Each structure stands twice: as structure tokens, then as C-alpha cells.
Amino acid sequence: MKQLGSKNIETSLDVIYDLEQVAKNYPQNHWEIMEMLTIFVRNNTFYTPKEKSKSNIKTKIRTDIQAALTVIGRRDVKKDPENQQIDLSNTDMRGVYLNGANLAGANLYQVNLAGANLKSANLSGTILSASNLAEANLSDANLTGAILNAANLCGANLHQANLHRANLFLANLYQANLNGAKLDQVNFRDANLYEANIQEAKYLKLQHMKSSDIS
């Protein structure tokens, strides 16, 4: 699809939505189209290494990139082949709107999601290691078993999120909102929870944290 990513945004959008319809009507092409869209996103979202990134959360994501991610997030996951994974690693998706998206088990390693809206998203088992989720909205999100090692969740909203068995080793949760979150069997080892709001958090266990990590 040479027109995917066309300089004419309207043309690019038309192609993306046409591909979504094909994926719905022809299940045998479903995964091929999802891979096409993920490659499109990876090739068009410049990744800035952490040490050089200013992480401006007000950055507006390109319209056709947003559209491609929206289609990926609302795909019929029952058509995904077994043992296949959505790969959006090493991408810059600051400010993306993925409210309610299904990205369970996806590879989001070292992705910049600062200021992203992931409210009620399904991120169960998702790889988010070294990702930047500063000030992201993850309220009511399903993060069961998610891997968030060394992730930046500074100021993130995790209100009533389900973090059952999530791995937050070395994660930065400075001033994060964990009010009402489900935190049973979470690995908080060496995580920074300074000034985090953990009031009414459910099943919080502190055995993997130092007392100095919490304020």
C-alpha cells in the first residue's frame, strides 16, 4: 500500500480505514493488515533516546498515526494468530488517545507514552519496560501481569487500575495516583513511590519496598 503514509493526510486516512474494513471482511488477511499498520507506525514515529528527549507531553500526534493506532486498538483480537504479538516498541506516541484500546500482550518496550490517554485500556501482560508514561491516564486500565520494569510513571493516573501481579521493579511512581488501584502481588522492588497517592489501594503489600521509598 504505497498510499499508506501519503503526504496527503486524507488519502492516508482513507487507506487506513479501507484496510480496517478488509481485515473485518477477510479474516485471512487480518494479521497481515495489523502488521502493516504497526510497521507504518514504527516507521513514522521518530524515537528520541531517553537522555535526549524533552518529553513534551503536549506534542500532538499525527492524525494518520492516531488513526492507525486506533484501528490496531479496536481490532478483533480473536482473529490474532496464536503466539503473535503487536510490536510497537521504540516508538514516540506522546499524547495518543487509546481510551479502551486492547493492547494485551503487546510489545511497548521503550515507548514514549507521556500524556497518553489509556483509560480503561487492556494492557494485560503488555511489555512496558523502560517506557515513558509520565502523566499518562491509566485509570481503570487492566495492567494484570504487565511488565513495567524501569518505567517512568511520574504523575501518572492509575486510579482504580488493576495491577495484579504487575512487575514495577525500578519503576518511577513519583506523585502517581494509585488511589483505589488493585495492587496485590505487585513487585515494587526498588520502585520510587515518593509522594504517590496510595490511599484506598487494594491489597497493597510493602514487602518489596524500603520504608524510605514511600512518603
N, C-alpha and C. Protein backbone atom coordinates (compact mmCIF):
# COMPACT_ATOMS: atom_id res chain seq x y z
N MET A 1 0.84 -1.19 0.00
CA MET A 1 0.00 0.00 0.00
C MET A 1 0.88 1.25 0.00
N LYS A 2 1.24 1.70 -1.18
CA LYS A 2 2.13 2.85 -1.30
C LYS A 2 1.48 4.13 -0.80
N GLN A 3 0.15 4.18 -0.80
CA GLN A 3 -0.55 5.40 -0.38
C GLN A 3 -0.66 5.52 1.14
N LEU A 4 -0.32 4.44 1.85
CA LEU A 4 -0.31 4.49 3.30
C LEU A 4 0.86 5.37 3.73
N GLY A 5 0.57 6.43 4.44
CA GLY A 5 1.62 7.37 4.81
C GLY A 5 1.81 8.45 3.77
N SER A 6 0.85 8.60 2.88
CA SER A 6 0.91 9.63 1.86
C SER A 6 1.02 11.02 2.50
N LYS A 7 1.68 11.93 1.79
CA LYS A 7 1.79 13.30 2.29
C LYS A 7 0.41 13.94 2.40
N ASN A 8 -0.52 13.42 1.63
CA ASN A 8 -1.91 13.87 1.76
C ASN A 8 -2.56 13.06 2.88
N ILE A 9 -2.77 13.70 4.02
CA ILE A 9 -3.29 13.01 5.20
C ILE A 9 -4.63 12.35 4.92
N GLU A 10 -5.49 13.02 4.16
CA GLU A 10 -6.81 12.46 3.87
C GLU A 10 -6.70 11.15 3.11
N THR A 11 -5.75 11.09 2.17
CA THR A 11 -5.51 9.85 1.41
C THR A 11 -5.03 8.75 2.34
N SER A 12 -4.10 9.08 3.21
CA SER A 12 -3.57 8.12 4.17
C SER A 12 -4.66 7.59 5.09
N LEU A 13 -5.53 8.48 5.55
CA LEU A 13 -6.63 8.08 6.43
C LEU A 13 -7.59 7.15 5.70
N ASP A 14 -7.89 7.46 4.45
CA ASP A 14 -8.79 6.61 3.66
C ASP A 14 -8.22 5.20 3.53
N VAL A 15 -6.92 5.11 3.30
CA VAL A 15 -6.27 3.80 3.16
C VAL A 15 -6.34 3.02 4.47
N ILE A 16 -6.11 3.70 5.58
CA ILE A 16 -6.14 3.04 6.89
C ILE A 16 -7.51 2.46 7.18
N TYR A 17 -8.55 3.23 6.93
CA TYR A 17 -9.91 2.74 7.22
C TYR A 17 -10.36 1.69 6.21
N ASP A 18 -9.86 1.78 4.98
CA ASP A 18 -10.13 0.73 3.99
C ASP A 18 -9.48 -0.58 4.42
N LEU A 19 -8.26 -0.49 4.95
CA LEU A 19 -7.56 -1.68 5.43
C LEU A 19 -8.30 -2.30 6.61
N GLU A 20 -8.84 -1.47 7.48
CA GLU A 20 -9.61 -1.98 8.62
C GLU A 20 -10.82 -2.77 8.12
N GLN A 21 -11.48 -2.27 7.10
CA GLN A 21 -12.66 -2.96 6.56
C GLN A 21 -12.28 -4.28 5.93
N VAL A 22 -11.15 -4.30 5.24
CA VAL A 22 -10.66 -5.55 4.62
C VAL A 22 -10.37 -6.58 5.71
N ALA A 23 -9.73 -6.13 6.80
CA ALA A 23 -9.40 -7.03 7.91
C ALA A 23 -10.67 -7.63 8.52
N LYS A 24 -11.76 -6.85 8.54
CA LYS A 24 -13.02 -7.33 9.09
C LYS A 24 -13.68 -8.34 8.14
N ASN A 25 -13.61 -8.03 6.86
CA ASN A 25 -14.31 -8.87 5.87
C ASN A 25 -13.54 -10.11 5.45
N TYR A 26 -12.22 -10.06 5.58
CA TYR A 26 -11.38 -11.17 5.14
C TYR A 26 -10.42 -11.57 6.27
N PRO A 27 -10.90 -12.44 7.16
CA PRO A 27 -10.10 -12.83 8.33
C PRO A 27 -8.72 -13.36 7.98
N GLN A 28 -8.57 -13.96 6.78
CA GLN A 28 -7.28 -14.49 6.39
C GLN A 28 -6.23 -13.39 6.19
N ASN A 29 -6.70 -12.15 6.04
CA ASN A 29 -5.79 -11.02 5.86
C ASN A 29 -5.66 -10.14 7.11
N HIS A 30 -6.38 -10.54 8.16
CA HIS A 30 -6.43 -9.73 9.38
C HIS A 30 -5.04 -9.42 9.92
N TRP A 31 -4.25 -10.44 10.17
CA TRP A 31 -2.95 -10.21 10.82
C TRP A 31 -1.97 -9.50 9.90
N GLU A 32 -2.01 -9.82 8.64
CA GLU A 32 -1.14 -9.14 7.67
C GLU A 32 -1.39 -7.63 7.69
N ILE A 33 -2.65 -7.25 7.81
CA ILE A 33 -3.01 -5.83 7.84
C ILE A 33 -2.58 -5.19 9.16
N MET A 34 -2.75 -5.90 10.28
CA MET A 34 -2.31 -5.36 11.56
C MET A 34 -0.80 -5.14 11.57
N GLU A 35 -0.07 -6.08 11.00
CA GLU A 35 1.39 -5.92 10.91
C GLU A 35 1.75 -4.76 10.01
N MET A 36 1.00 -4.57 8.94
CA MET A 36 1.24 -3.46 8.02
C MET A 36 1.07 -2.12 8.76
N LEU A 37 0.04 -2.06 9.60
CA LEU A 37 -0.23 -0.83 10.33
C LEU A 37 0.82 -0.58 11.42
N THR A 38 1.26 -1.65 12.09
CA THR A 38 2.29 -1.47 13.13
C THR A 38 3.62 -1.05 12.51
N ILE A 39 3.94 -1.59 11.36
CA ILE A 39 5.17 -1.18 10.66
C ILE A 39 5.08 0.29 10.25
N PHE A 40 3.90 0.68 9.78
CA PHE A 40 3.66 2.08 9.40
C PHE A 40 3.90 3.00 10.59
N VAL A 41 3.37 2.61 11.77
CA VAL A 41 3.55 3.42 12.97
C VAL A 41 5.03 3.48 13.35
N ARG A 42 5.69 2.33 13.38
CA ARG A 42 7.10 2.29 13.78
C ARG A 42 7.99 3.11 12.84
N ASN A 43 7.67 3.09 11.57
CA ASN A 43 8.50 3.80 10.59
C ASN A 43 8.26 5.32 10.57
N ASN A 44 7.17 5.74 11.21
CA ASN A 44 6.81 7.16 11.13
C ASN A 44 6.72 7.86 12.48
N THR A 45 7.16 7.20 13.53
CA THR A 45 7.17 7.84 14.85
C THR A 45 8.61 7.86 15.34
N PHE A 46 9.25 8.98 15.13
CA PHE A 46 10.67 9.11 15.48
C PHE A 46 10.88 8.89 16.97
N TYR A 47 11.79 8.00 17.29
CA TYR A 47 12.08 7.71 18.69
C TYR A 47 13.31 8.50 19.13
N THR A 48 13.14 9.25 20.20
CA THR A 48 14.24 10.01 20.77
C THR A 48 14.73 9.30 22.03
N PRO A 49 16.01 8.94 22.08
CA PRO A 49 16.54 8.28 23.27
C PRO A 49 16.24 9.07 24.53
N LYS A 50 16.07 8.35 25.63
CA LYS A 50 15.64 8.96 26.89
C LYS A 50 16.51 10.14 27.31
N GLU A 51 17.83 10.01 27.13
CA GLU A 51 18.72 11.05 27.62
C GLU A 51 18.63 12.34 26.79
N LYS A 52 18.04 12.26 25.59
CA LYS A 52 17.92 13.43 24.73
C LYS A 52 16.49 13.97 24.66
N SER A 53 15.54 13.18 25.14
CA SER A 53 14.13 13.56 25.00
C SER A 53 13.71 14.60 26.03
N LYS A 54 12.98 15.60 25.57
CA LYS A 54 12.41 16.59 26.48
C LYS A 54 11.04 16.14 26.97
N SER A 55 10.49 15.12 26.30
CA SER A 55 9.21 14.51 26.70
C SER A 55 8.09 15.53 26.83
N ASN A 56 7.95 16.40 25.86
CA ASN A 56 6.88 17.38 25.88
C ASN A 56 5.55 16.66 25.69
N ILE A 57 4.75 16.57 26.75
CA ILE A 57 3.50 15.80 26.68
C ILE A 57 2.44 16.51 25.86
N LYS A 58 2.69 17.77 25.50
CA LYS A 58 1.72 18.50 24.70
C LYS A 58 1.91 18.24 23.20
N THR A 59 2.90 17.44 22.86
CA THR A 59 3.13 17.12 21.45
C THR A 59 1.88 16.46 20.86
N LYS A 60 1.45 16.93 19.72
CA LYS A 60 0.24 16.39 19.08
C LYS A 60 0.64 15.30 18.09
N ILE A 61 0.08 14.12 18.26
CA ILE A 61 0.40 13.00 17.39
C ILE A 61 -0.23 13.22 16.01
N ARG A 62 0.46 12.77 14.98
CA ARG A 62 -0.03 12.94 13.61
C ARG A 62 -1.36 12.21 13.43
N THR A 63 -2.27 12.82 12.69
CA THR A 63 -3.63 12.29 12.57
C THR A 63 -3.67 10.87 12.01
N ASP A 64 -2.87 10.58 10.99
CA ASP A 64 -2.91 9.23 10.41
C ASP A 64 -2.25 8.20 11.32
N ILE A 65 -1.27 8.63 12.13
CA ILE A 65 -0.67 7.72 13.11
C ILE A 65 -1.71 7.38 14.18
N GLN A 66 -2.42 8.40 14.64
CA GLN A 66 -3.50 8.17 15.62
C GLN A 66 -4.54 7.21 15.05
N ALA A 67 -4.90 7.40 13.80
CA ALA A 67 -5.91 6.54 13.17
C ALA A 67 -5.43 5.09 13.10
N ALA A 68 -4.19 4.89 12.71
CA ALA A 68 -3.64 3.53 12.63
C ALA A 68 -3.64 2.86 13.99
N LEU A 69 -3.27 3.59 15.03
CA LEU A 69 -3.25 3.04 16.39
C LEU A 69 -4.66 2.76 16.90
N THR A 70 -5.60 3.61 16.53
CA THR A 70 -6.99 3.39 16.91
C THR A 70 -7.50 2.09 16.29
N VAL A 71 -7.19 1.86 15.01
CA VAL A 71 -7.61 0.63 14.33
C VAL A 71 -6.97 -0.59 14.99
N ILE A 72 -5.68 -0.49 15.31
CA ILE A 72 -4.99 -1.61 15.98
C ILE A 72 -5.64 -1.89 17.34
N GLY A 73 -5.95 -0.82 18.07
CA GLY A 73 -6.51 -0.97 19.41
C GLY A 73 -7.92 -1.49 19.46
N ARG A 74 -8.68 -1.38 18.35
CA ARG A 74 -10.06 -1.87 18.35
C ARG A 74 -10.25 -3.09 17.43
N ARG A 75 -9.16 -3.68 17.01
CA ARG A 75 -9.24 -4.87 16.14
C ARG A 75 -9.93 -6.01 16.86
N ASP A 76 -10.37 -7.00 16.12
CA ASP A 76 -10.96 -8.21 16.68
C ASP A 76 -9.81 -9.14 17.09
N VAL A 77 -9.48 -9.12 18.38
CA VAL A 77 -8.31 -9.87 18.85
C VAL A 77 -8.49 -11.39 18.69
N LYS A 78 -9.72 -11.83 18.53
CA LYS A 78 -9.96 -13.26 18.34
C LYS A 78 -9.38 -13.75 17.01
N LYS A 79 -9.11 -12.81 16.11
CA LYS A 79 -8.55 -13.16 14.80
C LYS A 79 -7.02 -13.13 14.81
N ASP A 80 -6.43 -12.67 15.92
CA ASP A 80 -4.97 -12.66 16.02
C ASP A 80 -4.44 -14.09 16.05
N PRO A 81 -3.41 -14.40 15.28
CA PRO A 81 -2.83 -15.75 15.32
C PRO A 81 -2.22 -16.03 16.69
N GLU A 82 -2.23 -17.28 17.07
CA GLU A 82 -1.65 -17.67 18.35
C GLU A 82 -0.14 -17.41 18.33
N ASN A 83 0.37 -16.93 19.46
CA ASN A 83 1.81 -16.67 19.62
C ASN A 83 2.32 -15.50 18.78
N GLN A 84 1.42 -14.64 18.31
CA GLN A 84 1.83 -13.43 17.60
C GLN A 84 1.64 -12.23 18.52
N GLN A 85 2.39 -11.17 18.26
CA GLN A 85 2.41 -10.03 19.18
C GLN A 85 2.42 -8.71 18.41
N ILE A 86 1.58 -7.79 18.85
CA ILE A 86 1.62 -6.44 18.30
C ILE A 86 2.92 -5.79 18.75
N ASP A 87 3.72 -5.33 17.80
CA ASP A 87 5.03 -4.75 18.12
C ASP A 87 5.06 -3.26 17.81
N LEU A 88 4.98 -2.46 18.86
CA LEU A 88 5.06 -1.01 18.72
C LEU A 88 6.23 -0.47 19.53
N SER A 89 7.24 -1.29 19.71
CA SER A 89 8.39 -0.92 20.53
C SER A 89 9.18 0.23 19.92
N ASN A 90 9.85 0.98 20.79
CA ASN A 90 10.74 2.07 20.38
C ASN A 90 10.05 3.12 19.51
N THR A 91 8.83 3.48 19.89
CA THR A 91 8.08 4.50 19.15
C THR A 91 7.75 5.68 20.05
N ASP A 92 7.47 6.80 19.42
CA ASP A 92 7.09 8.01 20.14
C ASP A 92 5.60 8.25 19.92
N MET A 93 4.81 7.98 20.95
CA MET A 93 3.36 8.12 20.85
C MET A 93 2.83 9.08 21.91
N ARG A 94 3.59 10.12 22.18
CA ARG A 94 3.17 11.11 23.17
C ARG A 94 1.79 11.67 22.84
N GLY A 95 0.92 11.70 23.85
CA GLY A 95 -0.39 12.31 23.70
C GLY A 95 -1.39 11.49 22.91
N VAL A 96 -1.09 10.22 22.61
CA VAL A 96 -2.01 9.40 21.84
C VAL A 96 -3.29 9.13 22.64
N TYR A 97 -4.40 8.99 21.92
CA TYR A 97 -5.69 8.69 22.55
C TYR A 97 -6.04 7.24 22.27
N LEU A 98 -5.94 6.40 23.30
CA LEU A 98 -6.24 4.98 23.16
C LEU A 98 -7.17 4.52 24.27
N ASN A 99 -8.16 5.33 24.54
CA ASN A 99 -9.16 5.02 25.55
C ASN A 99 -9.86 3.70 25.20
N GLY A 100 -9.75 2.71 26.11
CA GLY A 100 -10.42 1.43 25.90
C GLY A 100 -9.75 0.51 24.89
N ALA A 101 -8.57 0.86 24.42
CA ALA A 101 -7.89 0.05 23.41
C ALA A 101 -7.47 -1.30 23.98
N ASN A 102 -7.42 -2.31 23.11
CA ASN A 102 -6.96 -3.63 23.53
C ASN A 102 -5.55 -3.86 22.99
N LEU A 103 -4.58 -3.71 23.89
CA LEU A 103 -3.17 -3.94 23.55
C LEU A 103 -2.57 -5.00 24.46
N ALA A 104 -3.41 -5.93 24.88
CA ALA A 104 -2.96 -7.01 25.77
C ALA A 104 -1.83 -7.79 25.12
N GLY A 105 -0.74 -7.97 25.88
CA GLY A 105 0.37 -8.77 25.40
C GLY A 105 1.25 -8.09 24.36
N ALA A 106 0.97 -6.82 24.07
CA ALA A 106 1.74 -6.11 23.04
C ALA A 106 3.15 -5.78 23.54
N ASN A 107 4.04 -5.55 22.59
CA ASN A 107 5.41 -5.13 22.91
C ASN A 107 5.49 -3.61 22.80
N LEU A 108 5.49 -2.95 23.96
CA LEU A 108 5.59 -1.50 24.01
C LEU A 108 6.88 -1.11 24.74
N TYR A 109 7.92 -1.90 24.50
CA TYR A 109 9.21 -1.64 25.15
C TYR A 109 9.75 -0.28 24.73
N GLN A 110 10.17 0.50 25.70
CA GLN A 110 10.81 1.79 25.49
C GLN A 110 9.99 2.72 24.59
N VAL A 111 8.68 2.74 24.82
CA VAL A 111 7.78 3.60 24.06
C VAL A 111 7.53 4.88 24.86
N ASN A 112 7.48 6.00 24.17
CA ASN A 112 7.19 7.27 24.82
C ASN A 112 5.69 7.52 24.76
N LEU A 113 5.01 7.30 25.90
CA LEU A 113 3.57 7.48 26.01
C LEU A 113 3.23 8.59 26.99
N ALA A 114 4.13 9.55 27.12
CA ALA A 114 3.89 10.67 28.03
C ALA A 114 2.59 11.37 27.66
N GLY A 115 1.73 11.58 28.65
CA GLY A 115 0.48 12.28 28.43
C GLY A 115 -0.55 11.51 27.64
N ALA A 116 -0.32 10.23 27.41
CA ALA A 116 -1.26 9.42 26.63
C ALA A 116 -2.54 9.15 27.42
N ASN A 117 -3.66 8.97 26.69
CA ASN A 117 -4.92 8.59 27.32
C ASN A 117 -5.13 7.10 27.09
N LEU A 118 -4.90 6.32 28.13
CA LEU A 118 -5.07 4.87 28.09
C LEU A 118 -6.13 4.42 29.09
N LYS A 119 -7.06 5.30 29.34
CA LYS A 119 -8.13 4.99 30.29
C LYS A 119 -8.88 3.73 29.85
N SER A 120 -9.07 2.81 30.78
CA SER A 120 -9.81 1.55 30.55
C SER A 120 -9.18 0.67 29.48
N ALA A 121 -7.94 0.93 29.12
CA ALA A 121 -7.27 0.10 28.11
C ALA A 121 -6.92 -1.26 28.69
N ASN A 122 -6.88 -2.27 27.82
CA ASN A 122 -6.46 -3.61 28.23
C ASN A 122 -4.98 -3.75 27.92
N LEU A 123 -4.16 -3.70 28.98
CA LEU A 123 -2.71 -3.82 28.85
C LEU A 123 -2.22 -5.04 29.62
N SER A 124 -3.07 -6.02 29.74
CA SER A 124 -2.73 -7.24 30.46
C SER A 124 -1.55 -7.95 29.79
N GLY A 125 -0.51 -8.19 30.57
CA GLY A 125 0.66 -8.89 30.03
C GLY A 125 1.49 -8.08 29.06
N THR A 126 1.21 -6.82 28.93
CA THR A 126 1.92 -5.97 27.98
C THR A 126 3.32 -5.64 28.48
N ILE A 127 4.28 -5.61 27.57
CA ILE A 127 5.66 -5.25 27.89
C ILE A 127 5.79 -3.73 27.80
N LEU A 128 6.00 -3.09 28.94
CA LEU A 128 6.14 -1.64 29.00
C LEU A 128 7.45 -1.25 29.68
N SER A 129 8.41 -2.14 29.67
CA SER A 129 9.71 -1.87 30.30
C SER A 129 10.36 -0.64 29.68
N ALA A 130 10.93 0.20 30.53
CA ALA A 130 11.65 1.41 30.10
C ALA A 130 10.77 2.38 29.33
N SER A 131 9.46 2.22 29.42
CA SER A 131 8.54 3.12 28.72
C SER A 131 8.36 4.41 29.52
N ASN A 132 7.96 5.47 28.84
CA ASN A 132 7.70 6.75 29.48
C ASN A 132 6.20 6.99 29.52
N LEU A 133 5.61 6.85 30.70
CA LEU A 133 4.18 7.04 30.89
C LEU A 133 3.91 8.22 31.81
N ALA A 134 4.82 9.18 31.79
CA ALA A 134 4.67 10.37 32.64
C ALA A 134 3.35 11.07 32.35
N GLU A 135 2.57 11.29 33.41
CA GLU A 135 1.28 11.99 33.33
C GLU A 135 0.28 11.32 32.39
N ALA A 136 0.48 10.04 32.12
CA ALA A 136 -0.48 9.30 31.30
C ALA A 136 -1.72 8.97 32.12
N ASN A 137 -2.85 8.87 31.44
CA ASN A 137 -4.10 8.49 32.11
C ASN A 137 -4.31 6.99 31.95
N LEU A 138 -4.10 6.25 33.02
CA LEU A 138 -4.26 4.80 33.04
C LEU A 138 -5.37 4.39 34.01
N SER A 139 -6.26 5.30 34.29
CA SER A 139 -7.35 5.00 35.22
C SER A 139 -8.22 3.87 34.67
N ASP A 140 -8.57 2.94 35.53
CA ASP A 140 -9.41 1.78 35.19
C ASP A 140 -8.75 0.84 34.17
N ALA A 141 -7.46 1.04 33.89
CA ALA A 141 -6.78 0.17 32.92
C ALA A 141 -6.50 -1.20 33.52
N ASN A 142 -6.48 -2.21 32.66
CA ASN A 142 -6.13 -3.56 33.09
C ASN A 142 -4.66 -3.79 32.82
N LEU A 143 -3.85 -3.77 33.88
CA LEU A 143 -2.40 -3.97 33.77
C LEU A 143 -1.99 -5.26 34.45
N THR A 144 -2.90 -6.22 34.50
CA THR A 144 -2.61 -7.50 35.13
C THR A 144 -1.39 -8.15 34.48
N GLY A 145 -0.38 -8.44 35.28
CA GLY A 145 0.80 -9.12 34.76
C GLY A 145 1.65 -8.28 33.82
N ALA A 146 1.39 -6.99 33.74
CA ALA A 146 2.17 -6.13 32.85
C ALA A 146 3.60 -6.00 33.36
N ILE A 147 4.53 -5.83 32.44
CA ILE A 147 5.95 -5.68 32.78
C ILE A 147 6.31 -4.21 32.63
N LEU A 148 6.53 -3.56 33.77
CA LEU A 148 6.80 -2.13 33.80
C LEU A 148 8.15 -1.83 34.44
N ASN A 149 9.10 -2.73 34.28
CA ASN A 149 10.43 -2.53 34.85
C ASN A 149 11.05 -1.24 34.35
N ALA A 150 11.51 -0.41 35.28
CA ALA A 150 12.19 0.85 34.95
C ALA A 150 11.32 1.81 34.15
N ALA A 151 10.01 1.64 34.21
CA ALA A 151 9.10 2.55 33.50
C ALA A 151 8.98 3.86 34.28
N ASN A 152 8.75 4.95 33.56
CA ASN A 152 8.53 6.25 34.18
C ASN A 152 7.04 6.52 34.26
N LEU A 153 6.49 6.44 35.46
CA LEU A 153 5.07 6.68 35.70
C LEU A 153 4.88 7.92 36.57
N CYS A 154 5.82 8.83 36.48
CA CYS A 154 5.77 10.05 37.27
C CYS A 154 4.50 10.83 36.95
N GLY A 155 3.68 11.05 37.97
CA GLY A 155 2.46 11.81 37.79
C GLY A 155 1.36 11.10 37.04
N ALA A 156 1.53 9.81 36.78
CA ALA A 156 0.52 9.05 36.03
C ALA A 156 -0.73 8.83 36.88
N ASN A 157 -1.86 8.74 36.22
CA ASN A 157 -3.14 8.49 36.89
C ASN A 157 -3.47 7.00 36.76
N LEU A 158 -3.34 6.27 37.87
CA LEU A 158 -3.63 4.84 37.91
C LEU A 158 -4.83 4.57 38.81
N HIS A 159 -5.71 5.53 38.90
CA HIS A 159 -6.89 5.40 39.75
C HIS A 159 -7.71 4.18 39.36
N GLN A 160 -7.90 3.27 40.32
CA GLN A 160 -8.69 2.05 40.13
C GLN A 160 -8.15 1.14 39.01
N ALA A 161 -6.89 1.28 38.69
CA ALA A 161 -6.28 0.37 37.71
C ALA A 161 -6.03 -0.99 38.35
N ASN A 162 -6.04 -2.03 37.55
CA ASN A 162 -5.77 -3.38 38.05
C ASN A 162 -4.33 -3.74 37.73
N LEU A 163 -3.49 -3.75 38.79
CA LEU A 163 -2.07 -4.05 38.63
C LEU A 163 -1.71 -5.41 39.24
N HIS A 164 -2.68 -6.28 39.33
CA HIS A 164 -2.45 -7.61 39.90
C HIS A 164 -1.25 -8.29 39.23
N ARG A 165 -0.26 -8.66 40.05
CA ARG A 165 0.94 -9.35 39.59
C ARG A 165 1.77 -8.56 38.56
N ALA A 166 1.59 -7.27 38.52
CA ALA A 166 2.42 -6.45 37.63
C ALA A 166 3.84 -6.35 38.19
N ASN A 167 4.81 -6.14 37.31
CA ASN A 167 6.20 -6.01 37.73
C ASN A 167 6.62 -4.56 37.57
N LEU A 168 6.86 -3.88 38.70
CA LEU A 168 7.23 -2.47 38.70
C LEU A 168 8.63 -2.28 39.29
N PHE A 169 9.50 -3.23 39.08
CA PHE A 169 10.87 -3.16 39.56
C PHE A 169 11.55 -1.90 38.98
N LEU A 170 12.09 -1.08 39.87
CA LEU A 170 12.80 0.14 39.49
C LEU A 170 11.91 1.19 38.80
N ALA A 171 10.61 1.02 38.86
CA ALA A 171 9.71 1.99 38.22
C ALA A 171 9.67 3.29 39.03
N ASN A 172 9.45 4.40 38.33
CA ASN A 172 9.34 5.70 38.98
C ASN A 172 7.87 6.09 39.06
N LEU A 173 7.31 6.05 40.27
CA LEU A 173 5.90 6.37 40.50
C LEU A 173 5.76 7.66 41.31
N TYR A 174 6.73 8.53 41.19
CA TYR A 174 6.71 9.80 41.92
C TYR A 174 5.42 10.56 41.60
N GLN A 175 4.67 10.88 42.64
CA GLN A 175 3.40 11.62 42.55
C GLN A 175 2.34 10.93 41.68
N ALA A 176 2.49 9.64 41.49
CA ALA A 176 1.46 8.90 40.74
C ALA A 176 0.22 8.72 41.60
N ASN A 177 -0.93 8.63 40.95
CA ASN A 177 -2.19 8.42 41.66
C ASN A 177 -2.56 6.94 41.59
N LEU A 178 -2.42 6.25 42.72
CA LEU A 178 -2.76 4.83 42.81
C LEU A 178 -4.00 4.62 43.68
N ASN A 179 -4.75 5.67 43.86
CA ASN A 179 -5.94 5.61 44.71
C ASN A 179 -6.94 4.60 44.15
N GLY A 180 -7.29 3.60 44.97
CA GLY A 180 -8.27 2.60 44.56
C GLY A 180 -7.72 1.54 43.63
N ALA A 181 -6.42 1.57 43.34
CA ALA A 181 -5.84 0.57 42.43
C ALA A 181 -5.71 -0.79 43.12
N LYS A 182 -5.78 -1.84 42.32
CA LYS A 182 -5.61 -3.20 42.83
C LYS A 182 -4.14 -3.55 42.72
N LEU A 183 -3.48 -3.74 43.87
CA LEU A 183 -2.03 -3.88 43.89
C LEU A 183 -1.57 -5.20 44.51
N ASP A 184 -2.41 -6.22 44.50
CA ASP A 184 -1.99 -7.47 45.11
C ASP A 184 -0.92 -8.16 44.26
N GLN A 185 0.10 -8.66 44.96
CA GLN A 185 1.21 -9.42 44.36
C GLN A 185 2.01 -8.60 43.34
N VAL A 186 2.02 -7.28 43.54
CA VAL A 186 2.82 -6.42 42.66
C VAL A 186 4.27 -6.41 43.14
N ASN A 187 5.21 -6.44 42.20
CA ASN A 187 6.62 -6.33 42.54
C ASN A 187 7.01 -4.85 42.50
N PHE A 188 7.16 -4.26 43.70
CA PHE A 188 7.55 -2.86 43.82
C PHE A 188 9.03 -2.73 44.21
N ARG A 189 9.79 -3.75 44.00
CA ARG A 189 11.18 -3.73 44.47
C ARG A 189 11.95 -2.56 43.85
N ASP A 190 12.55 -1.75 44.72
CA ASP A 190 13.36 -0.59 44.33
C ASP A 190 12.57 0.43 43.51
N ALA A 191 11.24 0.40 43.61
CA ALA A 191 10.42 1.40 42.92
C ALA A 191 10.39 2.70 43.73
N ASN A 192 10.20 3.81 43.05
CA ASN A 192 10.09 5.10 43.71
C ASN A 192 8.62 5.47 43.85
N LEU A 193 8.12 5.43 45.10
CA LEU A 193 6.73 5.78 45.38
C LEU A 193 6.63 7.06 46.19
N TYR A 194 7.67 7.88 46.12
CA TYR A 194 7.68 9.11 46.89
C TYR A 194 6.54 10.03 46.45
N GLU A 195 5.75 10.46 47.42
CA GLU A 195 4.59 11.34 47.21
C GLU A 195 3.50 10.71 46.33
N ALA A 196 3.55 9.41 46.15
CA ALA A 196 2.48 8.73 45.40
C ALA A 196 1.24 8.64 46.28
N ASN A 197 0.07 8.72 45.67
CA ASN A 197 -1.19 8.61 46.40
C ASN A 197 -1.63 7.15 46.38
N ILE A 198 -1.50 6.48 47.52
CA ILE A 198 -1.89 5.06 47.58
C ILE A 198 -3.06 4.86 48.55
N GLN A 199 -3.81 5.93 48.82
CA GLN A 199 -4.97 5.81 49.68
C GLN A 199 -6.00 4.87 49.06
N GLU A 200 -6.55 4.02 49.89
CA GLU A 200 -7.59 3.08 49.48
C GLU A 200 -7.12 2.10 48.40
N ALA A 201 -5.81 1.99 48.21
CA ALA A 201 -5.31 0.97 47.29
C ALA A 201 -5.64 -0.40 47.87
N LYS A 202 -5.96 -1.35 47.00
CA LYS A 202 -6.42 -2.65 47.45
C LYS A 202 -5.27 -3.67 47.51
N TYR A 203 -5.18 -4.35 48.64
CA TYR A 203 -4.25 -5.46 48.83
C TYR A 203 -2.78 -5.03 48.66
N LEU A 204 -2.48 -3.81 49.08
CA LEU A 204 -1.11 -3.36 48.95
C LEU A 204 -0.19 -4.11 49.90
N LYS A 205 0.89 -4.64 49.37
CA LYS A 205 1.90 -5.34 50.17
C LYS A 205 3.21 -4.60 49.99
N LEU A 206 3.88 -4.31 51.08
CA LEU A 206 5.07 -3.48 51.03
C LEU A 206 6.36 -4.27 51.21
N GLN A 207 6.30 -5.59 51.12
CA GLN A 207 7.47 -6.36 51.42
C GLN A 207 8.60 -6.17 50.41
N HIS A 208 8.31 -5.63 49.26
CA HIS A 208 9.35 -5.43 48.25
C HIS A 208 9.82 -3.99 48.18
N MET A 209 9.45 -3.18 49.20
CA MET A 209 9.85 -1.77 49.19
C MET A 209 10.54 -1.42 50.51
N LYS A 210 11.41 -0.44 50.43
CA LYS A 210 12.03 0.11 51.63
C LYS A 210 11.10 1.19 52.17
N SER A 211 11.14 1.38 53.47
CA SER A 211 10.28 2.39 54.07
C SER A 211 10.59 3.78 53.53
N SER A 212 11.83 4.00 53.09
CA SER A 212 12.24 5.30 52.57
C SER A 212 11.67 5.58 51.19
N ASP A 213 11.09 4.53 50.54
CA ASP A 213 10.55 4.71 49.21
C ASP A 213 9.18 5.37 49.21
N ILE A 214 8.55 5.44 50.37
CA ILE A 214 7.17 5.92 50.46
C ILE A 214 7.10 7.17 51.32
N SER A 215 6.28 8.09 50.89
CA SER A 215 6.06 9.29 51.70
C SER A 215 4.56 9.53 51.80
